[in-house]
Amino acid sequence: MSANDLNINGQYFVAQRATEKILLRVTNVCGMCYRDLHEGDDVYYDMQDYRYLCHECAEALSEEMLDAHEVEEAQPALF
């Protein structure tokens, strides 16, 4: 499993499987939608905001970031 395989920007997210250690010591809910995370779930560490996200939220946030980047690139340069 990798972030790139799932259409999630690997530059901003680290893809992992939820382990008992992550769930007990860090979090057991998604940092955006607060959905419960379970051992074995695919989770994504958001390196920009320091939180774990479920697949759906990581994918949605990745698309938002890509859209914002495309708009920024489309702006004309001064020179």
Protein backbone atom coordinates (compact mmCIF):
# COMPACT_ATOMS: atom_id res chain seq x y z
CA MET A 1 0.00 0.00 0.00
CA SER A 2 1.27 3.42 -0.86
CA ALA A 3 -0.30 6.83 -1.02
CA ASN A 4 0.50 7.05 -4.74
CA ASP A 5 -1.40 3.83 -5.49
CA LEU A 6 -4.55 5.35 -4.00
CA ASN A 7 -4.51 8.72 -5.79
CA ILE A 8 -3.34 10.38 -2.57
CA ASN A 9 -0.43 12.79 -2.72
CA GLY A 10 2.54 11.01 -1.12
CA GLN A 11 4.28 14.35 -0.61
CA TYR A 12 1.82 15.25 2.15
CA PHE A 13 0.70 11.86 3.51
CA VAL A 14 2.33 8.72 4.86
CA ALA A 15 0.19 5.64 4.24
CA GLN A 16 0.12 3.05 7.03
CA ARG A 17 -1.97 0.22 8.41
CA ALA A 18 -3.57 1.08 11.74
CA THR A 19 -1.86 -0.90 14.48
CA GLU A 20 -2.85 -1.43 18.09
CA LYS A 21 0.02 0.91 19.06
CA ILE A 22 -1.27 3.76 16.85
CA LEU A 23 -4.85 3.29 18.01
CA LEU A 24 -3.98 3.18 21.71
CA ARG A 25 -1.15 5.73 21.91
CA VAL A 26 -1.95 8.24 19.19
CA THR A 27 -5.59 8.21 18.07
CA ASN A 28 -8.44 5.89 17.22
CA VAL A 29 -10.47 8.39 15.16
CA CYS A 30 -9.97 10.26 11.89
CA GLY A 31 -8.63 13.78 12.45
CA MET A 32 -11.22 15.30 10.05
CA CYS A 33 -14.48 13.35 10.23
CA TYR A 34 -13.92 11.62 13.60
CA ARG A 35 -14.86 8.23 12.15
CA ASP A 36 -13.60 5.34 14.29
CA LEU A 37 -10.39 3.74 13.04
CA HIS A 38 -9.84 0.02 13.57
CA GLU A 39 -6.77 -2.18 13.63
CA GLY A 40 -5.85 -3.08 10.06
CA ASP A 41 -7.54 -0.03 8.48
CA ASP A 42 -5.57 1.99 5.96
CA VAL A 43 -4.72 5.31 7.63
CA TYR A 44 -2.83 8.31 6.34
CA TYR A 45 -0.64 10.57 8.42
CA ASP A 46 -1.14 14.18 7.33
CA MET A 47 2.37 15.65 7.61
CA GLN A 48 1.10 19.21 7.20
CA ASP A 49 -1.39 19.16 10.09
CA TYR A 50 0.09 16.27 12.15
CA ARG A 51 -2.97 14.00 12.26
CA TYR A 52 -4.18 10.60 11.09
CA LEU A 53 -6.94 10.51 8.47
CA CYS A 54 -9.19 7.79 7.10
CA HIS A 55 -8.91 6.91 3.42
CA GLU A 56 -11.90 9.02 2.36
CA CYS A 57 -10.70 12.19 4.11
CA ALA A 58 -7.10 11.79 2.92
CA GLU A 59 -8.29 11.35 -0.66
CA ALA A 60 -10.61 14.38 -0.46
CA LEU A 61 -7.90 16.56 1.12
CA SER A 62 -5.37 15.41 -1.47
CA GLU A 63 -7.72 16.41 -4.29
CA GLU A 64 -8.26 19.83 -2.68
CA MET A 65 -4.49 20.32 -2.45
CA LEU A 66 -3.99 19.29 -6.09
CA ASP A 67 -6.79 21.61 -7.25
CA ALA A 68 -5.29 24.51 -5.30
CA HIS A 69 -1.86 23.77 -6.79
CA GLU A 70 -3.28 23.70 -10.34
CA VAL A 71 -4.95 27.09 -9.84
CA GLU A 72 -1.70 28.52 -8.49
CA GLU A 73 0.25 27.20 -11.50
CA ALA A 74 -2.31 28.67 -13.92
CA GLN A 75 -1.69 32.23 -12.67
CA PRO A 76 0.36 34.24 -15.18
CA ALA A 77 3.89 35.15 -14.20
CA LEU A 78 5.19 38.70 -14.23
CA PHE A 79 8.07 37.86 -16.58
